[in-house]
Amino acid sequence: MLWIGTDTCALGPYRADLVETYWRWEQDPTLLVGYGRQAPESLEARTEGMVHQLRGENIRFTIYDRTSGEPVPAGVATLLPDHAVRTAEYIIMLAPEARGRGLGTQATRLTLDYAFHITNLRMVWLKVLAPNKAGIRAYEKAGFRTAGNLREAGYWLNKTCDEVIMDAIAEEFEGRSVVESLLTGN
């Protein structure tokens, strides 16, 4: 089941049957560096965590790559909402084999579309380590802007680095909305 998408990327439900796939992606060393996490996680711990995630209030999507026709799981996008102020933190994880093809930008844009037009959030923000230039470019292409830095708040390859805070607001969401297209038939 796919909720919203384009010809090449779609968002669908977060799925318990994909826990081992999610876990495999999370063990990729480049992802561990990007998240600033220092240790891999066991499959048992990840499976236990999945139970809690499925019951939580966060909005989670499986990202699907549709470039080959058949949707293939390619990552996870998460919104951590603060309902009192109608904002959410955004987190994305792409499979190693899905990176470098614009899929992260497309998935991020679809997530913003969902956040603004279905969940009715007014702002979505994220943190990214400053040396992650590819991630920053992808976020900018999807509609995020730099809001500031947390100085020396992270680590990248055994060196301290800044975390860049980026945000996107509903009134600045530009371009085609997949959600609006579903409602209007355009």
N, C-alpha and C. Protein backbone atom coordinates (compact mmCIF):
# COMPACT_ATOMS: atom_id res chain seq x y z
N MET A 1 0.85 -1.18 0.00
CA MET A 1 0.00 0.00 0.00
C MET A 1 0.89 1.24 0.00
N LEU A 2 0.66 2.12 -0.94
CA LEU A 2 1.39 3.38 -1.02
C LEU A 2 0.42 4.52 -0.75
N TRP A 3 0.82 5.46 0.10
CA TRP A 3 -0.07 6.55 0.45
C TRP A 3 0.01 7.70 -0.54
N ILE A 4 1.20 8.23 -0.76
CA ILE A 4 1.37 9.29 -1.75
C ILE A 4 2.69 9.04 -2.48
N GLY A 5 2.76 9.52 -3.72
CA GLY A 5 3.99 9.30 -4.45
C GLY A 5 4.02 9.97 -5.80
N THR A 6 5.16 9.80 -6.45
CA THR A 6 5.39 10.25 -7.81
C THR A 6 5.69 9.01 -8.64
N ASP A 7 6.09 9.21 -9.86
CA ASP A 7 6.45 8.07 -10.71
C ASP A 7 7.67 7.33 -10.20
N THR A 8 8.53 8.01 -9.44
CA THR A 8 9.80 7.40 -9.02
C THR A 8 9.95 7.17 -7.52
N CYS A 9 9.09 7.77 -6.71
CA CYS A 9 9.22 7.66 -5.25
C CYS A 9 7.83 7.68 -4.62
N ALA A 10 7.68 6.93 -3.54
CA ALA A 10 6.39 6.91 -2.84
C ALA A 10 6.62 6.70 -1.35
N LEU A 11 5.62 7.09 -0.56
CA LEU A 11 5.61 6.85 0.88
C LEU A 11 4.49 5.88 1.19
N GLY A 12 4.79 4.91 2.03
CA GLY A 12 3.80 3.94 2.48
C GLY A 12 3.96 3.71 3.97
N PRO A 13 3.22 2.76 4.52
CA PRO A 13 3.26 2.53 5.97
C PRO A 13 4.59 1.98 6.45
N TYR A 14 4.91 2.31 7.68
CA TYR A 14 6.04 1.72 8.40
C TYR A 14 5.62 0.31 8.75
N ARG A 15 6.46 -0.68 8.43
CA ARG A 15 6.01 -2.07 8.49
C ARG A 15 6.87 -2.94 9.39
N ALA A 16 6.20 -3.65 10.28
CA ALA A 16 6.90 -4.57 11.19
C ALA A 16 7.61 -5.69 10.43
N ASP A 17 7.06 -6.11 9.29
CA ASP A 17 7.70 -7.19 8.54
C ASP A 17 9.01 -6.76 7.87
N LEU A 18 9.32 -5.45 7.89
CA LEU A 18 10.57 -4.95 7.32
C LEU A 18 11.62 -4.64 8.39
N VAL A 19 11.40 -5.05 9.64
CA VAL A 19 12.32 -4.69 10.71
C VAL A 19 13.75 -5.12 10.40
N GLU A 20 13.94 -6.30 9.84
CA GLU A 20 15.30 -6.76 9.54
C GLU A 20 15.93 -5.92 8.43
N THR A 21 15.13 -5.49 7.47
CA THR A 21 15.63 -4.60 6.40
C THR A 21 16.02 -3.25 6.98
N TYR A 22 15.14 -2.66 7.81
CA TYR A 22 15.47 -1.38 8.46
C TYR A 22 16.76 -1.51 9.27
N TRP A 23 16.87 -2.60 10.03
CA TRP A 23 18.04 -2.84 10.87
C TRP A 23 19.30 -2.92 10.01
N ARG A 24 19.22 -3.62 8.89
CA ARG A 24 20.39 -3.73 8.00
C ARG A 24 20.84 -2.35 7.53
N TRP A 25 19.90 -1.52 7.12
CA TRP A 25 20.25 -0.16 6.68
C TRP A 25 20.91 0.62 7.81
N GLU A 26 20.39 0.47 9.03
CA GLU A 26 20.89 1.23 10.18
C GLU A 26 22.30 0.84 10.58
N GLN A 27 22.77 -0.31 10.13
CA GLN A 27 24.12 -0.76 10.49
C GLN A 27 25.18 -0.28 9.50
N ASP A 28 24.77 0.38 8.44
CA ASP A 28 25.70 0.90 7.44
C ASP A 28 26.61 1.95 8.09
N PRO A 29 27.94 1.78 7.98
CA PRO A 29 28.86 2.73 8.63
C PRO A 29 28.63 4.19 8.24
N THR A 30 28.28 4.46 6.99
CA THR A 30 28.07 5.86 6.60
C THR A 30 26.83 6.44 7.28
N LEU A 31 25.85 5.62 7.58
CA LEU A 31 24.69 6.08 8.31
C LEU A 31 25.04 6.31 9.78
N LEU A 32 25.85 5.44 10.34
CA LEU A 32 26.27 5.61 11.73
C LEU A 32 27.03 6.93 11.90
N VAL A 33 27.87 7.28 10.92
CA VAL A 33 28.61 8.55 10.97
C VAL A 33 27.63 9.71 10.86
N GLY A 34 26.70 9.63 9.92
CA GLY A 34 25.75 10.71 9.70
C GLY A 34 24.82 10.96 10.87
N TYR A 35 24.44 9.91 11.57
CA TYR A 35 23.59 10.07 12.74
C TYR A 35 24.38 10.40 13.99
N GLY A 36 25.69 10.24 13.93
CA GLY A 36 26.51 10.49 15.10
C GLY A 36 26.41 9.40 16.15
N ARG A 37 25.75 8.29 15.81
CA ARG A 37 25.65 7.16 16.73
C ARG A 37 26.97 6.43 16.75
N GLN A 38 27.35 5.90 17.88
CA GLN A 38 28.68 5.32 18.01
C GLN A 38 28.72 3.81 17.98
N ALA A 39 27.60 3.15 18.09
CA ALA A 39 27.63 1.70 18.16
C ALA A 39 26.47 1.11 17.37
N PRO A 40 26.70 -0.01 16.69
CA PRO A 40 25.60 -0.69 16.02
C PRO A 40 24.64 -1.28 17.05
N GLU A 41 23.46 -1.66 16.57
CA GLU A 41 22.43 -2.20 17.45
C GLU A 41 22.16 -3.65 17.04
N SER A 42 21.84 -4.49 18.01
CA SER A 42 21.52 -5.88 17.69
C SER A 42 20.14 -5.96 17.04
N LEU A 43 19.93 -6.99 16.25
CA LEU A 43 18.62 -7.21 15.64
C LEU A 43 17.56 -7.41 16.71
N GLU A 44 17.90 -8.07 17.80
CA GLU A 44 16.94 -8.29 18.90
C GLU A 44 16.49 -6.96 19.51
N ALA A 45 17.45 -6.07 19.74
CA ALA A 45 17.11 -4.77 20.31
C ALA A 45 16.28 -3.96 19.31
N ARG A 46 16.62 -4.05 18.03
CA ARG A 46 15.87 -3.32 17.00
C ARG A 46 14.44 -3.83 16.89
N THR A 47 14.27 -5.14 16.99
CA THR A 47 12.94 -5.74 16.92
C THR A 47 12.09 -5.29 18.11
N GLU A 48 12.69 -5.25 19.28
CA GLU A 48 11.98 -4.77 20.46
C GLU A 48 11.62 -3.29 20.31
N GLY A 49 12.54 -2.51 19.78
CA GLY A 49 12.27 -1.09 19.55
C GLY A 49 11.14 -0.87 18.56
N MET A 50 11.05 -1.75 17.56
CA MET A 50 10.00 -1.64 16.55
C MET A 50 8.62 -1.71 17.18
N VAL A 51 8.44 -2.57 18.16
CA VAL A 51 7.15 -2.71 18.84
C VAL A 51 6.74 -1.36 19.44
N HIS A 52 7.67 -0.68 20.08
CA HIS A 52 7.38 0.62 20.69
C HIS A 52 7.11 1.68 19.61
N GLN A 53 7.89 1.64 18.52
CA GLN A 53 7.71 2.62 17.46
C GLN A 53 6.34 2.50 16.80
N LEU A 54 5.87 1.29 16.61
CA LEU A 54 4.57 1.10 15.97
C LEU A 54 3.41 1.60 16.83
N ARG A 55 3.62 1.67 18.15
CA ARG A 55 2.58 2.16 19.06
C ARG A 55 2.70 3.64 19.34
N GLY A 56 3.79 4.26 18.94
CA GLY A 56 4.06 5.65 19.28
C GLY A 56 3.27 6.65 18.46
N GLU A 57 3.41 7.92 18.83
CA GLU A 57 2.69 9.00 18.17
C GLU A 57 3.45 9.58 16.97
N ASN A 58 4.67 9.13 16.74
CA ASN A 58 5.43 9.66 15.63
C ASN A 58 4.85 9.18 14.30
N ILE A 59 5.07 9.95 13.26
CA ILE A 59 4.57 9.64 11.93
C ILE A 59 5.73 9.05 11.14
N ARG A 60 5.61 7.76 10.80
CA ARG A 60 6.70 7.05 10.13
C ARG A 60 6.23 6.52 8.78
N PHE A 61 7.12 6.62 7.81
CA PHE A 61 6.84 6.13 6.46
C PHE A 61 7.95 5.20 6.01
N THR A 62 7.61 4.20 5.23
CA THR A 62 8.60 3.48 4.45
C THR A 62 8.68 4.23 3.12
N ILE A 63 9.90 4.52 2.70
CA ILE A 63 10.15 5.17 1.41
C ILE A 63 10.30 4.06 0.37
N TYR A 64 9.63 4.22 -0.75
CA TYR A 64 9.71 3.23 -1.83
C TYR A 64 10.34 3.85 -3.07
N ASP A 65 11.25 3.11 -3.68
CA ASP A 65 11.85 3.45 -4.96
C ASP A 65 10.96 2.83 -6.03
N ARG A 66 10.42 3.64 -6.92
CA ARG A 66 9.53 3.15 -7.97
C ARG A 66 10.17 3.21 -9.37
N THR A 67 11.49 3.45 -9.43
CA THR A 67 12.14 3.64 -10.73
C THR A 67 12.12 2.38 -11.58
N SER A 68 12.05 1.21 -10.98
CA SER A 68 12.03 -0.03 -11.76
C SER A 68 10.60 -0.51 -12.02
N GLY A 69 9.64 0.28 -11.63
CA GLY A 69 8.23 -0.10 -11.82
C GLY A 69 7.61 -0.65 -10.55
N GLU A 70 8.14 -1.74 -10.05
CA GLU A 70 7.67 -2.36 -8.81
C GLU A 70 8.24 -1.59 -7.61
N PRO A 71 7.39 -1.14 -6.67
CA PRO A 71 7.90 -0.41 -5.50
C PRO A 71 8.84 -1.28 -4.66
N VAL A 72 10.02 -0.74 -4.35
CA VAL A 72 11.03 -1.44 -3.56
C VAL A 72 11.33 -0.60 -2.33
N PRO A 73 11.25 -1.16 -1.11
CA PRO A 73 11.60 -0.38 0.08
C PRO A 73 13.03 0.17 -0.05
N ALA A 74 13.17 1.47 0.24
CA ALA A 74 14.46 2.12 0.06
C ALA A 74 14.86 3.01 1.23
N GLY A 75 14.02 3.13 2.24
CA GLY A 75 14.37 3.98 3.37
C GLY A 75 13.19 4.22 4.29
N VAL A 76 13.43 5.07 5.27
CA VAL A 76 12.41 5.43 6.26
C VAL A 76 12.45 6.94 6.46
N ALA A 77 11.27 7.55 6.51
CA ALA A 77 11.14 8.97 6.86
C ALA A 77 10.27 9.05 8.11
N THR A 78 10.67 9.94 9.03
CA THR A 78 9.96 10.06 10.30
C THR A 78 9.71 11.52 10.64
N LEU A 79 8.51 11.80 11.10
CA LEU A 79 8.17 13.10 11.68
C LEU A 79 7.92 12.88 13.16
N LEU A 80 8.59 13.67 14.00
CA LEU A 80 8.42 13.62 15.45
C LEU A 80 7.63 14.87 15.85
N PRO A 81 6.29 14.78 15.87
CA PRO A 81 5.48 15.98 16.05
C PRO A 81 5.44 16.50 17.48
N ASP A 82 5.34 17.82 17.57
CA ASP A 82 5.03 18.52 18.81
C ASP A 82 3.67 19.16 18.54
N HIS A 83 2.60 18.45 18.91
CA HIS A 83 1.25 18.87 18.55
C HIS A 83 0.86 20.21 19.18
N ALA A 84 1.43 20.53 20.33
CA ALA A 84 1.07 21.78 21.00
C ALA A 84 1.43 23.01 20.15
N VAL A 85 2.51 22.91 19.37
CA VAL A 85 2.92 24.06 18.56
C VAL A 85 2.86 23.76 17.06
N ARG A 86 2.32 22.59 16.68
CA ARG A 86 2.11 22.19 15.29
C ARG A 86 3.40 22.21 14.46
N THR A 87 4.46 21.64 15.06
CA THR A 87 5.73 21.50 14.38
C THR A 87 6.19 20.05 14.51
N ALA A 88 7.24 19.70 13.77
CA ALA A 88 7.79 18.35 13.89
C ALA A 88 9.25 18.36 13.49
N GLU A 89 10.01 17.48 14.13
CA GLU A 89 11.38 17.23 13.70
C GLU A 89 11.32 16.15 12.61
N TYR A 90 12.20 16.27 11.62
CA TYR A 90 12.24 15.34 10.49
C TYR A 90 13.54 14.53 10.54
N ILE A 91 13.40 13.23 10.29
CA ILE A 91 14.55 12.33 10.22
C ILE A 91 14.35 11.43 9.01
N ILE A 92 15.41 11.21 8.24
CA ILE A 92 15.34 10.32 7.10
C ILE A 92 16.52 9.36 7.14
N MET A 93 16.27 8.15 6.68
CA MET A 93 17.32 7.14 6.56
C MET A 93 17.12 6.46 5.21
N LEU A 94 18.16 6.49 4.37
CA LEU A 94 18.09 5.82 3.08
C LEU A 94 19.01 4.61 3.06
N ALA A 95 18.56 3.56 2.39
CA ALA A 95 19.39 2.38 2.18
C ALA A 95 20.63 2.79 1.39
N PRO A 96 21.78 2.16 1.65
CA PRO A 96 22.99 2.52 0.91
C PRO A 96 22.79 2.47 -0.61
N GLU A 97 22.07 1.49 -1.09
CA GLU A 97 21.87 1.33 -2.53
C GLU A 97 20.91 2.37 -3.12
N ALA A 98 20.21 3.13 -2.28
CA ALA A 98 19.25 4.12 -2.75
C ALA A 98 19.82 5.54 -2.78
N ARG A 99 21.02 5.71 -2.31
CA ARG A 99 21.61 7.05 -2.21
C ARG A 99 22.21 7.52 -3.53
N GLY A 100 22.27 8.85 -3.67
CA GLY A 100 22.94 9.45 -4.81
C GLY A 100 22.11 9.54 -6.08
N ARG A 101 20.81 9.29 -5.98
CA ARG A 101 19.94 9.32 -7.17
C ARG A 101 18.77 10.29 -7.03
N GLY A 102 18.80 11.12 -5.99
CA GLY A 102 17.72 12.09 -5.79
C GLY A 102 16.51 11.56 -5.03
N LEU A 103 16.56 10.31 -4.62
CA LEU A 103 15.43 9.71 -3.92
C LEU A 103 15.21 10.38 -2.56
N GLY A 104 16.28 10.74 -1.88
CA GLY A 104 16.16 11.41 -0.58
C GLY A 104 15.45 12.75 -0.70
N THR A 105 15.77 13.50 -1.74
CA THR A 105 15.11 14.78 -1.98
C THR A 105 13.63 14.56 -2.24
N GLN A 106 13.31 13.59 -3.10
CA GLN A 106 11.91 13.32 -3.43
C GLN A 106 11.13 12.87 -2.19
N ALA A 107 11.71 11.96 -1.41
CA ALA A 107 11.04 11.46 -0.21
C ALA A 107 10.84 12.58 0.80
N THR A 108 11.82 13.46 0.93
CA THR A 108 11.71 14.58 1.85
C THR A 108 10.61 15.53 1.41
N ARG A 109 10.54 15.79 0.12
CA ARG A 109 9.48 16.67 -0.40
C ARG A 109 8.09 16.04 -0.18
N LEU A 110 7.97 14.75 -0.42
CA LEU A 110 6.69 14.07 -0.19
C LEU A 110 6.31 14.12 1.29
N THR A 111 7.29 13.96 2.17
CA THR A 111 7.03 14.02 3.60
C THR A 111 6.57 15.42 4.01
N LEU A 112 7.20 16.45 3.45
CA LEU A 112 6.76 17.82 3.73
C LEU A 112 5.34 18.04 3.21
N ASP A 113 5.05 17.55 2.02
CA ASP A 113 3.71 17.66 1.45
C ASP A 113 2.68 17.04 2.41
N TYR A 114 2.97 15.84 2.89
CA TYR A 114 2.10 15.15 3.85
C TYR A 114 1.98 15.97 5.15
N ALA A 115 3.12 16.45 5.65
CA ALA A 115 3.15 17.20 6.91
C ALA A 115 2.30 18.46 6.83
N PHE A 116 2.40 19.19 5.73
CA PHE A 116 1.70 20.46 5.60
C PHE A 116 0.24 20.30 5.18
N HIS A 117 -0.07 19.32 4.34
CA HIS A 117 -1.40 19.23 3.75
C HIS A 117 -2.30 18.15 4.36
N ILE A 118 -1.74 17.22 5.11
CA ILE A 118 -2.56 16.21 5.78
C ILE A 118 -2.49 16.38 7.29
N THR A 119 -1.28 16.47 7.83
CA THR A 119 -1.11 16.62 9.27
C THR A 119 -1.31 18.06 9.71
N ASN A 120 -1.29 19.00 8.77
CA ASN A 120 -1.49 20.42 9.03
C ASN A 120 -0.46 21.01 9.99
N LEU A 121 0.79 20.58 9.83
CA LEU A 121 1.86 21.20 10.59
C LEU A 121 2.20 22.54 9.97
N ARG A 122 2.72 23.45 10.76
CA ARG A 122 3.09 24.75 10.21
C ARG A 122 4.58 24.85 9.94
N MET A 123 5.39 23.97 10.60
CA MET A 123 6.83 24.02 10.41
C MET A 123 7.40 22.64 10.68
N VAL A 124 8.40 22.26 9.88
CA VAL A 124 9.15 21.03 10.06
C VAL A 124 10.62 21.42 10.12
N TRP A 125 11.36 20.84 11.05
CA TRP A 125 12.77 21.18 11.20
C TRP A 125 13.61 19.91 11.28
N LEU A 126 14.91 20.07 11.11
CA LEU A 126 15.83 18.94 11.19
C LEU A 126 17.20 19.42 11.64
N LYS A 127 18.00 18.45 12.05
CA LYS A 127 19.40 18.69 12.35
C LYS A 127 20.22 17.80 11.42
N VAL A 128 21.30 18.35 10.89
CA VAL A 128 22.20 17.60 10.03
C VAL A 128 23.62 18.02 10.37
N LEU A 129 24.54 17.06 10.42
CA LEU A 129 25.92 17.40 10.72
C LEU A 129 26.50 18.22 9.57
N ALA A 130 27.21 19.30 9.89
CA ALA A 130 27.70 20.25 8.88
C ALA A 130 28.54 19.60 7.77
N PRO A 131 29.38 18.60 8.04
CA PRO A 131 30.14 18.00 6.95
C PRO A 131 29.30 17.18 5.96
N ASN A 132 28.06 16.91 6.28
CA ASN A 132 27.19 16.12 5.40
C ASN A 132 26.63 17.03 4.30
N LYS A 133 27.50 17.41 3.38
CA LYS A 133 27.13 18.36 2.32
C LYS A 133 26.05 17.80 1.40
N ALA A 134 26.11 16.50 1.08
CA ALA A 134 25.10 15.90 0.21
C ALA A 134 23.72 15.96 0.87
N GLY A 135 23.65 15.68 2.16
CA GLY A 135 22.38 15.76 2.87
C GLY A 135 21.83 17.18 2.89
N ILE A 136 22.69 18.15 3.15
CA ILE A 136 22.27 19.55 3.18
C ILE A 136 21.71 19.97 1.82
N ARG A 137 22.39 19.60 0.74
CA ARG A 137 21.90 19.93 -0.62
C ARG A 137 20.54 19.30 -0.88
N ALA A 138 20.38 18.04 -0.49
CA ALA A 138 19.09 17.35 -0.70
C ALA A 138 17.98 18.05 0.07
N TYR A 139 18.25 18.43 1.31
CA TYR A 139 17.23 19.12 2.12
C TYR A 139 16.87 20.48 1.50
N GLU A 140 17.88 21.20 1.02
CA GLU A 140 17.61 22.50 0.39
C GLU A 140 16.75 22.33 -0.87
N LYS A 141 17.05 21.33 -1.68
CA LYS A 141 16.26 21.08 -2.89
C LYS A 141 14.82 20.73 -2.55
N ALA A 142 14.60 20.09 -1.41
CA ALA A 142 13.25 19.69 -1.00
C ALA A 142 12.47 20.84 -0.38
N GLY A 143 13.15 21.95 -0.01
CA GLY A 143 12.44 23.10 0.53
C GLY A 143 12.89 23.58 1.90
N PHE A 144 13.90 22.94 2.48
CA PHE A 144 14.42 23.39 3.78
C PHE A 144 15.38 24.56 3.59
N ARG A 145 15.46 25.40 4.61
CA ARG A 145 16.42 26.52 4.66
C ARG A 145 17.22 26.42 5.95
N THR A 146 18.45 26.89 5.90
CA THR A 146 19.28 26.91 7.11
C THR A 146 18.73 27.94 8.08
N ALA A 147 18.53 27.52 9.33
CA ALA A 147 18.03 28.41 10.38
C ALA A 147 19.14 28.81 11.35
N GLY A 148 20.19 27.98 11.46
CA GLY A 148 21.29 28.28 12.37
C GLY A 148 22.16 27.06 12.61
N ASN A 149 23.12 27.21 13.50
CA ASN A 149 24.04 26.13 13.85
C ASN A 149 24.09 25.92 15.34
N LEU A 150 24.26 24.68 15.73
CA LEU A 150 24.62 24.35 17.10
C LEU A 150 26.11 24.04 17.05
N ARG A 151 26.91 24.92 17.59
CA ARG A 151 28.36 24.82 17.46
C ARG A 151 28.92 23.63 18.23
N GLU A 152 29.75 22.86 17.53
CA GLU A 152 30.43 21.69 18.09
C GLU A 152 29.47 20.72 18.79
N ALA A 153 28.28 20.56 18.24
CA ALA A 153 27.27 19.70 18.86
C ALA A 153 27.34 18.26 18.37
N GLY A 154 28.15 18.00 17.35
CA GLY A 154 28.22 16.65 16.80
C GLY A 154 29.64 16.20 16.57
N TYR A 155 29.74 14.96 16.09
CA TYR A 155 31.02 14.38 15.71
C TYR A 155 30.94 13.84 14.31
N TRP A 156 32.00 14.03 13.54
CA TRP A 156 32.11 13.50 12.19
C TRP A 156 33.54 13.01 12.03
N LEU A 157 33.70 11.72 11.86
CA LEU A 157 35.02 11.10 11.69
C LEU A 157 36.01 11.52 12.78
N ASN A 158 35.57 11.36 14.02
CA ASN A 158 36.40 11.60 15.21
C ASN A 158 36.77 13.07 15.42
N LYS A 159 36.03 13.98 14.81
CA LYS A 159 36.26 15.40 15.03
C LYS A 159 34.94 16.07 15.36
N THR A 160 34.98 17.04 16.26
CA THR A 160 33.75 17.77 16.55
C THR A 160 33.35 18.58 15.33
N CYS A 161 32.05 18.77 15.21
CA CYS A 161 31.51 19.57 14.11
C CYS A 161 30.21 20.21 14.56
N ASP A 162 29.80 21.18 13.80
CA ASP A 162 28.51 21.83 14.06
C ASP A 162 27.37 20.96 13.57
N GLU A 163 26.22 21.15 14.20
CA GLU A 163 24.98 20.62 13.65
C GLU A 163 24.25 21.80 13.02
N VAL A 164 23.81 21.63 11.80
CA VAL A 164 23.06 22.66 11.10
C VAL A 164 21.58 22.41 11.37
N ILE A 165 20.89 23.45 11.79
CA ILE A 165 19.45 23.40 11.99
C ILE A 165 18.80 23.97 10.73
N MET A 166 17.89 23.20 10.16
CA MET A 166 17.18 23.65 8.96
C MET A 166 15.68 23.56 9.22
N ASP A 167 14.91 24.42 8.56
CA ASP A 167 13.46 24.35 8.71
C ASP A 167 12.76 24.61 7.39
N ALA A 168 11.52 24.17 7.35
CA ALA A 168 10.63 24.43 6.22
C ALA A 168 9.28 24.81 6.81
N ILE A 169 8.66 25.84 6.24
CA ILE A 169 7.36 26.25 6.74
C ILE A 169 6.31 26.09 5.65
N ALA A 170 5.09 25.86 6.08
CA ALA A 170 4.00 25.54 5.16
C ALA A 170 3.79 26.63 4.12
N GLU A 171 3.84 27.89 4.52
CA GLU A 171 3.54 28.97 3.57
C GLU A 171 4.60 29.10 2.48
N GLU A 172 5.76 28.50 2.66
CA GLU A 172 6.81 28.56 1.64
C GLU A 172 6.91 27.27 0.81
N PHE A 173 6.01 26.33 1.04
CA PHE A 173 6.02 25.08 0.28
C PHE A 173 5.66 25.40 -1.16
N GLU A 174 6.61 25.19 -2.07
CA GLU A 174 6.42 25.58 -3.47
C GLU A 174 6.35 24.36 -4.38
N GLY A 175 5.82 24.59 -5.55
CA GLY A 175 5.77 23.53 -6.54
C GLY A 175 4.52 22.68 -6.40
N ARG A 176 4.50 21.60 -7.13
CA ARG A 176 3.34 20.71 -7.19
C ARG A 176 3.16 19.95 -5.87
N SER A 177 1.96 19.98 -5.34
CA SER A 177 1.61 19.19 -4.16
C SER A 177 0.91 17.92 -4.62
N VAL A 178 1.49 16.78 -4.28
CA VAL A 178 0.86 15.50 -4.62
C VAL A 178 -0.47 15.35 -3.89
N VAL A 179 -0.52 15.80 -2.64
CA VAL A 179 -1.75 15.71 -1.86
C VAL A 179 -2.86 16.53 -2.50
N GLU A 180 -2.57 17.78 -2.87
CA GLU A 180 -3.58 18.62 -3.51
C GLU A 180 -4.02 18.00 -4.85
N SER A 181 -3.10 17.42 -5.59
CA SER A 181 -3.43 16.77 -6.86
C SER A 181 -4.40 15.63 -6.65
N LEU A 182 -4.24 14.89 -5.56
CA LEU A 182 -5.16 13.79 -5.26
C LEU A 182 -6.57 14.31 -5.01
N LEU A 183 -6.67 15.47 -4.38
CA LEU A 183 -7.98 16.04 -4.05
C LEU A 183 -8.65 16.69 -5.25
N THR A 184 -7.86 17.31 -6.11
CA THR A 184 -8.43 18.04 -7.24
C THR A 184 -8.45 17.23 -8.53
N GLY A 185 -7.71 16.12 -8.56
CA GLY A 185 -7.64 15.30 -9.77
C GLY A 185 -6.72 15.86 -10.83
N ASN A 186 -5.92 16.87 -10.50
CA ASN A 186 -4.96 17.45 -11.47
C ASN A 186 -3.60 16.86 -11.33
